PDB file of N, CA and C in Angstrom:
ATOM      1  N   MET A   1     -57.559   1.474  -8.992  1.00  0.00           N
ATOM      2  CA  MET A   1     -56.887   2.507  -9.751  1.00  0.00           C
ATOM      3  C   MET A   1     -57.893   3.593 -10.147  1.00  0.00           C
ATOM      4  N   THR A   2     -57.500   4.828 -10.037  1.00  0.00           N
ATOM      5  CA  THR A   2     -58.366   5.954 -10.354  1.00  0.00           C
ATOM      6  C   THR A   2     -58.516   6.099 -11.873  1.00  0.00           C
ATOM      7  N   PRO A   3     -59.764   6.220 -12.370  1.00  0.00           N
ATOM      8  CA  PRO A   3     -59.968   6.408 -13.809  1.00  0.00           C
ATOM      9  C   PRO A   3     -59.323   7.706 -14.301  1.00  0.00           C
ATOM     10  N   LYS A   4     -58.877   7.720 -15.552  1.00  0.00           N
ATOM     11  CA  LYS A   4     -58.204   8.898 -16.115  1.00  0.00           C
ATOM     12  C   LYS A   4     -59.076  10.147 -16.067  1.00  0.00           C
ATOM     13  N   HIS A   5     -60.384   9.992 -16.236  1.00  0.00           N
ATOM     14  CA  HIS A   5     -61.245  11.168 -16.262  1.00  0.00           C
ATOM     15  C   HIS A   5     -61.447  11.783 -14.871  1.00  0.00           C
ATOM     16  N   TYR A   6     -60.844  11.201 -13.847  1.00  0.00           N
ATOM     17  CA  TYR A   6     -60.867  11.780 -12.502  1.00  0.00           C
ATOM     18  C   TYR A   6     -59.583  12.547 -12.193  1.00  0.00           C
ATOM     19  N   ASP A   7     -58.722  12.709 -13.166  1.00  0.00           N
ATOM     20  CA  ASP A   7     -57.436  13.393 -12.994  1.00  0.00           C
ATOM     21  C   ASP A   7     -57.658  14.877 -12.669  1.00  0.00           C
ATOM     22  N   ASN A   8     -57.118  15.337 -11.553  1.00  0.00           N
ATOM     23  CA  ASN A   8     -57.276  16.733 -11.134  1.00  0.00           C
ATOM     24  C   ASN A   8     -55.975  17.524 -11.215  1.00  0.00           C
ATOM     25  N   LYS A   9     -55.059  17.113 -12.075  1.00  0.00           N
ATOM     26  CA  LYS A   9     -53.765  17.791 -12.121  1.00  0.00           C
ATOM     27  C   LYS A   9     -53.887  19.251 -12.539  1.00  0.00           C
ATOM     28  N   ASN A  10     -54.965  19.612 -13.231  1.00  0.00           N
ATOM     29  CA  ASN A  10     -55.170  21.009 -13.620  1.00  0.00           C
ATOM     30  C   ASN A  10     -56.119  21.738 -12.677  1.00  0.00           C
ATOM     31  N   GLY A  11     -56.420  21.129 -11.560  1.00  0.00           N
ATOM     32  CA  GLY A  11     -57.318  21.739 -10.586  1.00  0.00           C
ATOM     33  C   GLY A  11     -58.596  20.937 -10.459  1.00  0.00           C
ATOM     34  N   SER A  12     -59.189  21.023  -9.343  1.00  0.00           N
ATOM     35  CA  SER A  12     -60.390  20.268  -9.033  1.00  0.00           C
ATOM     36  C   SER A  12     -61.627  20.939  -9.622  1.00  0.00           C
ATOM     37  N   LEU A  13     -62.477  20.134 -10.221  1.00  0.00           N
ATOM     38  CA  LEU A  13     -63.763  20.659 -10.688  1.00  0.00           C
ATOM     39  C   LEU A  13     -64.625  21.108  -9.513  1.00  0.00           C
ATOM     40  N   TYR A  14     -64.440  20.464  -8.382  1.00  0.00           N
ATOM     41  CA  TYR A  14     -65.201  20.837  -7.188  1.00  0.00           C
ATOM     42  C   TYR A  14     -64.806  22.240  -6.722  1.00  0.00           C
ATOM     43  N   LYS A  15     -63.537  22.537  -6.778  1.00  0.00           N
ATOM     44  CA  LYS A  15     -63.056  23.879  -6.417  1.00  0.00           C
ATOM     45  C   LYS A  15     -63.601  24.911  -7.403  1.00  0.00           C
ATOM     46  N   PHE A  16     -63.543  24.572  -8.697  1.00  0.00           N
ATOM     47  CA  PHE A  16     -64.088  25.460  -9.725  1.00  0.00           C
ATOM     48  C   PHE A  16     -65.566  25.750  -9.455  1.00  0.00           C
ATOM     49  N   ALA A  17     -66.329  24.699  -9.178  1.00  0.00           N
ATOM     50  CA  ALA A  17     -67.760  24.857  -8.919  1.00  0.00           C
ATOM     51  C   ALA A  17     -68.012  25.741  -7.703  1.00  0.00           C
ATOM     52  N   GLU A  18     -67.249  25.523  -6.674  1.00  0.00           N
ATOM     53  CA  GLU A  18     -67.402  26.331  -5.462  1.00  0.00           C
ATOM     54  C   GLU A  18     -67.043  27.784  -5.741  1.00  0.00           C
ATOM     55  N   ASP A  19     -65.937  28.008  -6.447  1.00  0.00           N
ATOM     56  CA  ASP A  19     -65.493  29.377  -6.751  1.00  0.00           C
ATOM     57  C   ASP A  19     -66.493  30.134  -7.621  1.00  0.00           C
ATOM     58  N   HIS A  20     -67.270  29.399  -8.416  1.00  0.00           N
ATOM     59  CA  HIS A  20     -68.223  30.027  -9.329  1.00  0.00           C
ATOM     60  C   HIS A  20     -69.681  29.862  -8.878  1.00  0.00           C
ATOM     61  N   ASN A  21     -69.864  29.403  -7.655  1.00  0.00           N
ATOM     62  CA  ASN A  21     -71.204  29.255  -7.064  1.00  0.00           C
ATOM     63  C   ASN A  21     -72.161  28.472  -7.956  1.00  0.00           C
ATOM     64  N   LEU A  22     -71.671  27.367  -8.521  1.00  0.00           N
ATOM     65  CA  LEU A  22     -72.520  26.549  -9.378  1.00  0.00           C
ATOM     66  C   LEU A  22     -73.470  25.710  -8.532  1.00  0.00           C
ATOM     67  N   ASN A  23     -74.700  25.575  -9.010  1.00  0.00           N
ATOM     68  CA  ASN A  23     -75.620  24.672  -8.334  1.00  0.00           C
ATOM     69  C   ASN A  23     -75.355  23.246  -8.827  1.00  0.00           C
ATOM     70  N   ALA A  24     -76.106  22.289  -8.332  1.00  0.00           N
ATOM     71  CA  ALA A  24     -75.860  20.884  -8.681  1.00  0.00           C
ATOM     72  C   ALA A  24     -76.023  20.626 -10.174  1.00  0.00           C
ATOM     73  N   TRP A  25     -77.035  21.224 -10.788  1.00  0.00           N
ATOM     74  CA  TRP A  25     -77.246  21.048 -12.223  1.00  0.00           C
ATOM     75  C   TRP A  25     -76.052  21.581 -13.009  1.00  0.00           C
ATOM     76  N   GLU A  26     -75.658  22.799 -12.701  1.00  0.00           N
ATOM     77  CA  GLU A  26     -74.570  23.445 -13.431  1.00  0.00           C
ATOM     78  C   GLU A  26     -73.261  22.686 -13.254  1.00  0.00           C
ATOM     79  N   PHE A  27     -73.004  22.234 -12.038  1.00  0.00           N
ATOM     80  CA  PHE A  27     -71.792  21.457 -11.791  1.00  0.00           C
ATOM     81  C   PHE A  27     -71.797  20.180 -12.616  1.00  0.00           C
ATOM     82  N   ASP A  28     -72.923  19.481 -12.642  1.00  0.00           N
ATOM     83  CA  ASP A  28     -73.012  18.230 -13.388  1.00  0.00           C
ATOM     84  C   ASP A  28     -72.763  18.471 -14.873  1.00  0.00           C
ATOM     85  N   ILE A  29     -73.313  19.539 -15.424  1.00  0.00           N
ATOM     86  CA  ILE A  29     -73.138  19.859 -16.843  1.00  0.00           C
ATOM     87  C   ILE A  29     -71.675  20.169 -17.148  1.00  0.00           C
ATOM     88  N   VAL A  30     -71.055  21.009 -16.333  1.00  0.00           N
ATOM     89  CA  VAL A  30     -69.639  21.347 -16.530  1.00  0.00           C
ATOM     90  C   VAL A  30     -68.775  20.094 -16.415  1.00  0.00           C
ATOM     91  N   LYS A  31     -69.043  19.290 -15.414  1.00  0.00           N
ATOM     92  CA  LYS A  31     -68.271  18.059 -15.193  1.00  0.00           C
ATOM     93  C   LYS A  31     -68.353  17.152 -16.412  1.00  0.00           C
ATOM     94  N   ARG A  32     -69.546  16.972 -16.943  1.00  0.00           N
ATOM     95  CA  ARG A  32     -69.730  16.095 -18.097  1.00  0.00           C
ATOM     96  C   ARG A  32     -68.974  16.620 -19.317  1.00  0.00           C
ATOM     97  N   ILE A  33     -69.024  17.918 -19.539  1.00  0.00           N
ATOM     98  CA  ILE A  33     -68.342  18.506 -20.696  1.00  0.00           C
ATOM     99  C   ILE A  33     -66.830  18.369 -20.562  1.00  0.00           C
ATOM    100  N   VAL A  34     -66.315  18.641 -19.379  1.00  0.00           N
ATOM    101  CA  VAL A  34     -64.872  18.554 -19.164  1.00  0.00           C
ATOM    102  C   VAL A  34     -64.371  17.126 -19.328  1.00  0.00           C
ATOM    103  N   ARG A  35     -65.132  16.161 -18.865  1.00  0.00           N
ATOM    104  CA  ARG A  35     -64.675  14.773 -18.877  1.00  0.00           C
ATOM    105  C   ARG A  35     -64.988  14.004 -20.151  1.00  0.00           C
ATOM    106  N   CYS A  36     -65.838  14.531 -21.032  1.00  0.00           N
ATOM    107  CA  CYS A  36     -66.300  13.739 -22.177  1.00  0.00           C
ATOM    108  C   CYS A  36     -65.157  13.306 -23.097  1.00  0.00           C
ATOM    109  N   ARG A  37     -64.145  14.114 -23.273  1.00  0.00           N
ATOM    110  CA  ARG A  37     -63.029  13.730 -24.142  1.00  0.00           C
ATOM    111  C   ARG A  37     -62.106  12.731 -23.475  1.00  0.00           C
ATOM    112  N   LYS A  38     -62.072  12.729 -22.167  1.00  0.00           N
ATOM    113  CA  LYS A  38     -61.161  11.847 -21.431  1.00  0.00           C
ATOM    114  C   LYS A  38     -61.669  10.417 -21.338  1.00  0.00           C
ATOM    115  N   LYS A  39     -62.978  10.225 -21.368  1.00  0.00           N
ATOM    116  CA  LYS A  39     -63.566   8.905 -21.134  1.00  0.00           C
ATOM    117  C   LYS A  39     -63.608   8.038 -22.386  1.00  0.00           C
ATOM    118  N   GLY A  40     -63.442   8.630 -23.552  1.00  0.00           N
ATOM    119  CA  GLY A  40     -63.486   7.857 -24.777  1.00  0.00           C
ATOM    120  C   GLY A  40     -64.888   7.584 -25.305  1.00  0.00           C
ATOM    121  N   GLN A  41     -65.880   8.256 -24.752  1.00  0.00           N
ATOM    122  CA  GLN A  41     -67.271   8.102 -25.207  1.00  0.00           C
ATOM    123  C   GLN A  41     -67.838   9.482 -25.503  1.00  0.00           C
ATOM    124  N   PHE A  42     -67.131  10.222 -26.342  1.00  0.00           N
ATOM    125  CA  PHE A  42     -67.412  11.633 -26.582  1.00  0.00           C
ATOM    126  C   PHE A  42     -68.868  11.892 -26.972  1.00  0.00           C
ATOM    127  N   THR A  43     -69.328  11.260 -28.038  1.00  0.00           N
ATOM    128  CA  THR A  43     -70.679  11.518 -28.534  1.00  0.00           C
ATOM    129  C   THR A  43     -71.732  11.116 -27.520  1.00  0.00           C
ATOM    130  N   GLU A  44     -71.570   9.942 -26.926  1.00  0.00           N
ATOM    131  CA  GLU A  44     -72.546   9.468 -25.951  1.00  0.00           C
ATOM    132  C   GLU A  44     -72.602  10.393 -24.744  1.00  0.00           C
ATOM    133  N   ASP A  45     -71.444  10.847 -24.280  1.00  0.00           N
ATOM    134  CA  ASP A  45     -71.416  11.733 -23.120  1.00  0.00           C
ATOM    135  C   ASP A  45     -72.024  13.095 -23.438  1.00  0.00           C
ATOM    136  N   LEU A  46     -71.780  13.608 -24.644  1.00  0.00           N
ATOM    137  CA  LEU A  46     -72.401  14.882 -25.014  1.00  0.00           C
ATOM    138  C   LEU A  46     -73.914  14.736 -25.141  1.00  0.00           C
ATOM    139  N   ASP A  47     -74.373  13.609 -25.676  1.00  0.00           N
ATOM    140  CA  ASP A  47     -75.819  13.375 -25.761  1.00  0.00           C
ATOM    141  C   ASP A  47     -76.448  13.344 -24.368  1.00  0.00           C
ATOM    142  N   LYS A  48     -75.780  12.713 -23.417  1.00  0.00           N
ATOM    143  CA  LYS A  48     -76.266  12.687 -22.033  1.00  0.00           C
ATOM    144  C   LYS A  48     -76.287  14.100 -21.454  1.00  0.00           C
ATOM    145  N   THR A  49     -75.267  14.883 -21.783  1.00  0.00           N
ATOM    146  CA  THR A  49     -75.194  16.257 -21.291  1.00  0.00           C
ATOM    147  C   THR A  49     -76.348  17.088 -21.837  1.00  0.00           C
ATOM    148  N   ILE A  50     -76.676  16.893 -23.091  1.00  0.00           N
ATOM    149  CA  ILE A  50     -77.814  17.599 -23.684  1.00  0.00           C
ATOM    150  C   ILE A  50     -79.094  17.257 -22.936  1.00  0.00           C
ATOM    151  N   GLU A  51     -79.276  16.005 -22.583  1.00  0.00           N
ATOM    152  CA  GLU A  51     -80.463  15.594 -21.831  1.00  0.00           C
ATOM    153  C   GLU A  51     -80.494  16.247 -20.450  1.00  0.00           C
ATOM    154  N   VAL A  52     -79.343  16.326 -19.795  1.00  0.00           N
ATOM    155  CA  VAL A  52     -79.279  16.982 -18.478  1.00  0.00           C
ATOM    156  C   VAL A  52     -79.616  18.461 -18.616  1.00  0.00           C
ATOM    157  N   ILE A  53     -79.129  19.101 -19.672  1.00  0.00           N
ATOM    158  CA  ILE A  53     -79.434  20.518 -19.898  1.00  0.00           C
ATOM    159  C   ILE A  53     -80.937  20.701 -20.099  1.00  0.00           C
ATOM    160  N   LYS A  54     -81.570  19.816 -20.854  1.00  0.00           N
ATOM    161  CA  LYS A  54     -83.019  19.901 -21.060  1.00  0.00           C
ATOM    162  C   LYS A  54     -83.768  19.757 -19.734  1.00  0.00           C
ATOM    163  N   LEU A  55     -83.349  18.811 -18.911  1.00  0.00           N
ATOM    164  CA  LEU A  55     -83.987  18.627 -17.610  1.00  0.00           C
ATOM    165  C   LEU A  55     -83.821  19.872 -16.739  1.00  0.00           C
ATOM    166  N   TYR A  56     -82.622  20.434 -16.736  1.00  0.00           N
ATOM    167  CA  TYR A  56     -82.343  21.649 -15.953  1.00  0.00           C
ATOM    168  C   TYR A  56     -83.223  22.796 -16.450  1.00  0.00           C
ATOM    169  N   LYS A  57     -83.297  22.956 -17.750  1.00  0.00           N
ATOM    170  CA  LYS A  57     -84.111  24.023 -18.335  1.00  0.00           C
ATOM    171  C   LYS A  57     -85.580  23.855 -17.950  1.00  0.00           C
ATOM    172  N   ASP A  58     -86.097  22.625 -18.047  1.00  0.00           N
ATOM    173  CA  ASP A  58     -87.495  22.365 -17.678  1.00  0.00           C
ATOM    174  C   ASP A  58     -87.744  22.676 -16.203  1.00  0.00           C
ATOM    175  N   GLU A  59     -86.829  22.234 -15.341  1.00  0.00           N
ATOM    176  CA  GLU A  59     -87.005  22.500 -13.912  1.00  0.00           C
ATOM    177  C   GLU A  59     -86.946  23.995 -13.623  1.00  0.00           C
ATOM    178  N   TYR A  60     -86.023  24.682 -14.265  1.00  0.00           N
ATOM    179  CA  TYR A  60     -85.893  26.126 -14.088  1.00  0.00           C
ATOM    180  C   TYR A  60     -87.189  26.828 -14.515  1.00  0.00           C
ATOM    181  N   ASN A  61     -87.713  26.457 -15.675  1.00  0.00           N
ATOM    182  CA  ASN A  61     -88.945  27.080 -16.171  1.00  0.00           C
ATOM    183  C   ASN A  61     -90.134  26.799 -15.252  1.00  0.00           C
ATOM    184  N   GLU A  62     -90.222  25.579 -14.738  1.00  0.00           N
ATOM    185  CA  GLU A  62     -91.296  25.243 -13.803  1.00  0.00           C
ATOM    186  C   GLU A  62     -91.211  26.107 -12.550  1.00  0.00           C
ATOM    187  N   LYS A  63     -90.010  26.286 -12.059  1.00  0.00           N
ATOM    188  CA  LYS A  63     -89.794  27.098 -10.867  1.00  0.00           C
ATOM    189  C   LYS A  63     -90.187  28.544 -11.123  1.00  0.00           C
ATOM    190  N   GLN A  64     -89.850  29.067 -12.294  1.00  0.00           N
ATOM    191  CA  GLN A  64     -90.188  30.452 -12.638  1.00  0.00           C
ATOM    192  C   GLN A  64     -91.694  30.635 -12.744  1.00  0.00           C
ATOM    193  N   ASN A  65     -92.382  29.627 -13.247  1.00  0.00           N
ATOM    194  CA  ASN A  65     -93.844  29.718 -13.406  1.00  0.00           C
ATOM    195  C   ASN A  65     -94.570  29.658 -12.066  1.00  0.00           C
ATOM    196  N   ARG A  66     -93.927  29.101 -11.038  1.00  0.00           N
ATOM    197  CA  ARG A  66     -94.553  29.024  -9.709  1.00  0.00           C
ATOM    198  C   ARG A  66     -94.429  30.324  -8.937  1.00  0.00           C
ATOM    199  N   THR A  67     -93.528  31.189  -9.347  1.00  0.00           N
ATOM    200  CA  THR A  67     -93.308  32.429  -8.595  1.00  0.00           C
ATOM    201  C   THR A  67     -94.086  33.584  -9.170  1.00  0.00           C
TER     202      THR A  67
END
């Protein structure tokens, strides 16, 4: 059975990501935010999202410093 947080009745997150040219980091962050209320682990999922944002920010800054 498909988990509730995989429900695409309002449109696919994959389509949204493609339409907005999101990279893997951005897609993961959006996905986590959209699904956090559906999974029943709101605080834990937001905390994980914050960690992903920090990792993305660090990687972005490292890349900028190399150029």
